[in-house]
């Protein structure tokens, strides 16, 4: 088991990449702290883990609120005595996020609060716990749009994920000699219920697909396996990286017909 005896906290673990990562980490031996703002979804992830013989607990948290983030870290240490893996995965995509000329300030603020401030708060309160455990791993979910402009305007989301990437690099440098590694996971578009809702218009969906050389969106479990690599000792010399899992989007200039 690649995460035997490790304690992993995953935000946004009620669905998508977060849920698949929680299930996979548990199968690999981790005790998992499932964090989500949706209590029902988070409890369902815990149920699925326990049903398969794993160990997990649920903690409610809105990652944009410092009090909630402090509490989720405290609950992890109280329940399991330590924290080894911090996966700041929670994020949102606002349906009214578009061009810089059109996006309202309140949309910008909400996206930045969850996607970027949430990662900042996770690291701010999570790193002391990792240090108390003698070191550990931080994985922050960024995006391929942290590296290139989006084909469809989404200014707040793109800016938030660029911020996550820059934040991750600085943390990786600062804490490397204290036995903490930090990496940014940069997925391409992932086939989740949220994406299906956002791209319910076939024409809009096709505009995204045409930029992916592999011709399909990622599956959440494929991103979870990348997160598992970053969480495990197999990536012991990977630090400060933008770990791209995008089906070749960032490599392509012209996509195949």
Protein backbone atom coordinates (compact mmCIF):
# COMPACT_ATOMS: atom_id res chain seq x y z
CA UNK A 1 0.00 0.00 0.00
CA UNK A 2 1.46 3.31 -1.10
CA UNK A 3 -0.07 5.43 1.68
CA UNK A 4 -0.05 2.95 4.55
CA UNK A 5 -0.33 4.66 7.97
CA UNK A 6 -0.67 8.11 6.39
CA UNK A 7 -3.37 10.62 7.28
CA UNK A 8 -4.71 12.55 4.30
CA UNK A 9 -7.07 15.52 4.32
CA UNK A 10 -8.86 16.23 1.04
CA UNK A 11 -11.06 19.28 0.48
CA UNK A 12 -13.86 19.14 -2.04
CA UNK A 13 -14.01 15.40 -1.42
CA UNK A 14 -17.75 15.12 -1.85
CA UNK A 15 -17.56 14.73 -5.62
CA UNK A 16 -15.38 14.65 -8.71
CA UNK A 17 -11.60 14.58 -8.32
CA UNK A 18 -11.89 14.92 -4.55
CA UNK A 19 -14.15 11.90 -4.09
CA UNK A 20 -12.15 9.69 -6.46
CA UNK A 21 -8.94 10.71 -4.69
CA UNK A 22 -10.44 9.98 -1.28
CA UNK A 23 -11.53 6.52 -2.40
CA UNK A 24 -8.15 5.79 -3.98
CA UNK A 25 -6.10 7.12 -1.06
CA UNK A 26 -8.15 4.98 1.33
CA UNK A 27 -7.59 1.88 -0.82
CA UNK A 28 -3.88 2.64 -0.64
CA UNK A 29 -3.95 2.60 3.17
CA UNK A 30 -4.54 6.23 4.15
CA UNK A 31 -6.94 7.35 6.82
CA UNK A 32 -8.88 10.07 5.05
CA UNK A 33 -10.41 13.27 6.38
CA UNK A 34 -13.17 14.04 3.88
CA UNK A 35 -13.89 17.77 3.75
CA UNK A 36 -16.72 19.42 1.85
CA UNK A 37 -19.25 22.22 2.17
CA UNK A 38 -21.96 19.74 1.08
CA UNK A 39 -22.57 17.54 4.10
CA UNK A 40 -24.61 14.91 2.28
CA UNK A 41 -22.02 14.47 -0.47
CA UNK A 42 -19.15 14.33 2.02
CA UNK A 43 -20.91 11.75 4.18
CA UNK A 44 -21.56 9.66 1.07
CA UNK A 45 -17.82 9.63 0.29
CA UNK A 46 -17.14 8.45 3.84
CA UNK A 47 -19.78 5.74 3.47
CA UNK A 48 -18.20 4.50 0.23
CA UNK A 49 -14.76 4.38 1.85
CA UNK A 50 -15.99 2.48 4.89
CA UNK A 51 -18.04 0.14 2.71
CA UNK A 52 -14.78 -0.89 1.06
CA UNK A 53 -12.97 -1.43 4.36
CA UNK A 54 -11.26 1.94 4.56
CA UNK A 55 -11.11 4.48 7.38
CA UNK A 56 -12.50 7.98 6.98
CA UNK A 57 -14.26 10.80 8.76
CA UNK A 58 -16.21 13.80 7.47
CA UNK A 59 -15.63 17.43 8.43
CA UNK A 60 -17.80 20.26 7.12
CA UNK A 61 -15.84 23.27 5.92
CA UNK A 62 -16.20 26.25 3.64
CA UNK A 63 -12.56 26.69 2.65
CA UNK A 64 -13.01 30.43 2.15
CA UNK A 65 -13.61 30.81 5.91
CA UNK A 66 -10.55 30.80 8.16
CA UNK A 67 -12.49 29.43 11.13
CA UNK A 68 -13.69 26.43 9.12
CA UNK A 69 -10.19 25.71 7.80
CA UNK A 70 -8.62 25.93 11.26
CA UNK A 71 -11.27 23.52 12.50
CA UNK A 72 -10.76 20.95 9.72
CA UNK A 73 -7.04 20.76 10.52
CA UNK A 74 -7.74 20.52 14.25
CA UNK A 75 -10.28 17.75 13.63
CA UNK A 76 -7.76 15.77 11.55
CA UNK A 77 -5.16 15.91 14.32
CA UNK A 78 -7.73 15.21 17.02
CA UNK A 79 -9.15 12.20 15.20
CA UNK A 80 -5.96 10.63 13.86
CA UNK A 81 -3.14 12.28 15.82
CA UNK A 82 -1.30 13.74 12.83
CA UNK A 83 -1.56 15.06 9.28
CA UNK A 84 0.71 13.77 6.50
CA UNK A 85 -1.01 14.77 3.25
CA UNK A 86 -2.89 17.99 2.60
CA UNK A 87 -4.81 18.01 -0.69
CA UNK A 88 -6.30 21.46 -1.25
CA UNK A 89 -8.68 20.44 -3.99
CA UNK A 90 -11.93 22.37 -3.37
CA UNK A 91 -12.85 24.80 -6.10
CA UNK A 92 -15.75 26.36 -7.97
CA UNK A 93 -16.53 27.54 -11.46
CA UNK A 94 -19.10 30.33 -11.50
CA UNK A 95 -21.56 30.24 -14.43
CA UNK A 96 -21.31 34.04 -14.77
CA UNK A 97 -17.51 34.02 -14.98
CA UNK A 98 -16.61 35.27 -18.45
CA UNK A 99 -14.69 38.07 -20.11
CA UNK A 100 -12.88 40.61 -17.95
CA UNK A 101 -15.24 43.17 -19.50
CA UNK A 102 -18.39 41.35 -18.37
CA UNK A 103 -17.56 39.51 -15.13
CA UNK A 104 -19.09 41.22 -12.09
CA UNK A 105 -16.95 42.04 -9.08
CA UNK A 106 -18.94 39.77 -6.77
CA UNK A 107 -18.34 36.82 -9.14
CA UNK A 108 -14.62 37.59 -9.15
CA UNK A 109 -14.54 37.83 -5.36
CA UNK A 110 -16.37 34.54 -4.80
CA UNK A 111 -14.18 32.57 -7.20
CA UNK A 112 -10.96 34.01 -5.76
CA UNK A 113 -12.21 33.41 -2.20
CA UNK A 114 -12.78 29.70 -2.77
CA UNK A 115 -10.18 28.78 -5.37
CA UNK A 116 -7.21 30.86 -4.22
CA UNK A 117 -7.88 32.09 -0.71
CA UNK A 118 -9.09 28.59 0.17
CA UNK A 119 -5.72 27.14 -0.83
CA UNK A 120 -3.90 29.93 1.05
CA UNK A 121 -5.89 29.18 4.21
CA UNK A 122 -5.38 25.43 3.81
CA UNK A 123 -1.62 25.94 3.66
CA UNK A 124 -1.59 28.58 6.41
CA UNK A 125 -3.26 26.28 8.93
CA UNK A 126 -2.21 22.93 7.47
CA UNK A 127 1.55 23.44 7.26
CA UNK A 128 2.01 23.70 11.05
CA UNK A 129 0.27 20.32 11.36
CA UNK A 130 2.56 18.81 8.71
CA UNK A 131 5.56 20.20 10.58
CA UNK A 132 4.31 18.66 13.82
CA UNK A 133 4.19 15.31 11.99
CA UNK A 134 7.81 15.72 10.87
CA UNK A 135 6.96 16.81 7.33
CA UNK A 136 4.52 15.85 4.64
CA UNK A 137 3.01 16.55 1.26
CA UNK A 138 0.87 19.37 -0.08
CA UNK A 139 -1.09 19.00 -3.32
CA UNK A 140 -2.93 22.06 -4.59
CA UNK A 141 -5.38 21.71 -7.45
CA UNK A 142 -4.60 24.33 -10.09
CA UNK A 143 -5.47 23.81 -13.77
CA UNK A 144 -3.98 23.76 -17.23
CA UNK A 145 -5.34 27.32 -17.55
CA UNK A 146 -2.74 28.35 -14.97
CA UNK A 147 -0.29 27.87 -17.85
CA UNK A 148 -2.24 29.17 -20.85
CA UNK A 149 -5.32 31.21 -21.67
CA UNK A 150 -8.69 29.49 -21.74
CA UNK A 151 -10.39 28.94 -25.10
CA UNK A 152 -13.64 30.24 -23.59
CA UNK A 153 -13.33 33.35 -21.38
CA UNK A 154 -13.39 32.61 -17.64
CA UNK A 155 -11.27 35.39 -16.18
CA UNK A 156 -11.82 34.78 -12.47
CA UNK A 157 -11.26 31.03 -12.68
CA UNK A 158 -8.13 31.39 -14.82
CA UNK A 159 -6.66 34.05 -12.53
CA UNK A 160 -7.44 32.01 -9.42
CA UNK A 161 -5.67 28.94 -10.78
CA UNK A 162 -2.66 30.98 -11.87
CA UNK A 163 -2.48 32.23 -8.32
CA UNK A 164 -2.61 28.68 -6.96
CA UNK A 165 0.36 27.74 -9.13
CA UNK A 166 2.44 30.72 -8.00
CA UNK A 167 1.50 30.17 -4.35
CA UNK A 168 2.47 26.50 -4.58
CA UNK A 169 5.90 27.27 -6.00
CA UNK A 170 6.69 29.72 -3.21
CA UNK A 171 5.60 27.28 -0.50
CA UNK A 172 7.63 24.51 -2.14
CA UNK A 173 10.77 26.64 -1.93
CA UNK A 174 10.16 27.90 1.60
CA UNK A 175 9.48 24.55 3.24
CA UNK A 176 11.59 22.11 1.21
CA UNK A 177 14.26 21.83 3.91
CA UNK A 178 11.63 21.17 6.53
CA UNK A 179 10.62 17.95 4.79
CA UNK A 180 7.51 19.35 3.11
CA UNK A 181 6.91 18.99 -0.62
CA UNK A 182 4.29 21.08 -2.42
CA UNK A 183 3.10 20.54 -5.98
CA UNK A 184 0.31 21.95 -8.13
CA UNK A 185 -1.89 19.43 -9.89
CA UNK A 186 -2.93 20.90 -13.26
CA UNK A 187 -5.76 18.91 -14.82
CA UNK A 188 -7.37 19.51 -18.15
CA UNK A 189 -11.20 19.52 -18.28
CA UNK A 190 -12.57 16.61 -16.27
CA UNK A 191 -15.82 14.74 -16.99
CA UNK A 192 -17.80 15.59 -13.86
CA UNK A 193 -21.46 16.51 -13.23
CA UNK A 194 -20.38 20.16 -12.90
CA UNK A 195 -18.69 20.16 -16.31
CA UNK A 196 -21.64 18.36 -17.88
CA UNK A 197 -23.93 21.10 -16.58
CA UNK A 198 -21.64 23.90 -17.73
CA UNK A 199 -21.25 22.33 -21.17
CA UNK A 200 -24.83 21.13 -21.65
CA UNK A 201 -24.88 23.03 -24.93
CA UNK A 202 -23.32 20.62 -27.50
CA UNK A 203 -21.71 23.48 -29.43
CA UNK A 204 -20.03 24.83 -26.31
CA UNK A 205 -18.86 21.34 -25.37
CA UNK A 206 -17.37 20.84 -28.83
CA UNK A 207 -15.47 24.14 -28.59
CA UNK A 208 -13.67 22.67 -25.58
CA UNK A 209 -13.15 19.19 -27.02
CA UNK A 210 -11.55 20.44 -30.23
CA UNK A 211 -8.54 21.66 -28.24
CA UNK A 212 -7.83 18.25 -26.67
CA UNK A 213 -5.57 16.05 -28.81
CA UNK A 214 -6.93 12.90 -27.18
CA UNK A 215 -10.46 13.96 -28.17
CA UNK A 216 -12.09 13.47 -24.78
CA UNK A 217 -12.25 14.94 -21.30
CA UNK A 218 -10.37 13.35 -18.42
CA UNK A 219 -12.02 10.95 -16.04
CA UNK A 220 -11.88 11.98 -12.38
CA UNK A 221 -10.12 8.74 -11.46
CA UNK A 222 -7.30 9.55 -13.90
CA UNK A 223 -6.60 12.78 -12.04
CA UNK A 224 -6.86 10.92 -8.72
CA UNK A 225 -4.07 8.57 -9.79
CA UNK A 226 -1.86 11.58 -10.54
CA UNK A 227 -2.65 12.93 -7.07
CA UNK A 228 -1.75 9.55 -5.56
CA UNK A 229 1.67 9.69 -7.22
CA UNK A 230 2.28 13.17 -5.80
CA UNK A 231 1.10 12.05 -2.35
CA UNK A 232 3.28 8.95 -2.27
CA UNK A 233 7.00 8.48 -1.65
CA UNK A 234 7.38 7.59 -5.33
CA UNK A 235 7.45 11.35 -6.01
CA UNK A 236 9.94 12.09 -3.23
CA UNK A 237 12.05 14.38 -5.48
CA UNK A 238 9.11 16.16 -7.11
CA UNK A 239 8.71 19.59 -5.53
CA UNK A 240 7.36 22.91 -6.80
CA UNK A 241 6.09 21.30 -9.99
CA UNK A 242 3.14 22.10 -12.21
CA UNK A 243 2.04 18.49 -12.65
CA UNK A 244 0.08 18.57 -15.90
CA UNK A 245 -2.56 15.93 -16.64
CA UNK A 246 -4.39 17.43 -19.61
CA UNK A 247 -4.50 14.95 -22.49
CA UNK A 248 -1.96 17.02 -24.40
CA UNK A 249 -3.77 20.40 -24.42
CA UNK A 250 -0.76 22.45 -23.36
CA UNK A 251 1.47 20.58 -25.81
CA UNK A 252 -0.71 21.28 -28.84
CA UNK A 253 -0.52 24.15 -31.29
CA UNK A 254 -2.90 22.66 -33.83
CA UNK A 255 -5.12 19.79 -32.79
CA UNK A 256 -5.80 16.85 -35.11
CA UNK A 257 -8.95 16.80 -37.22
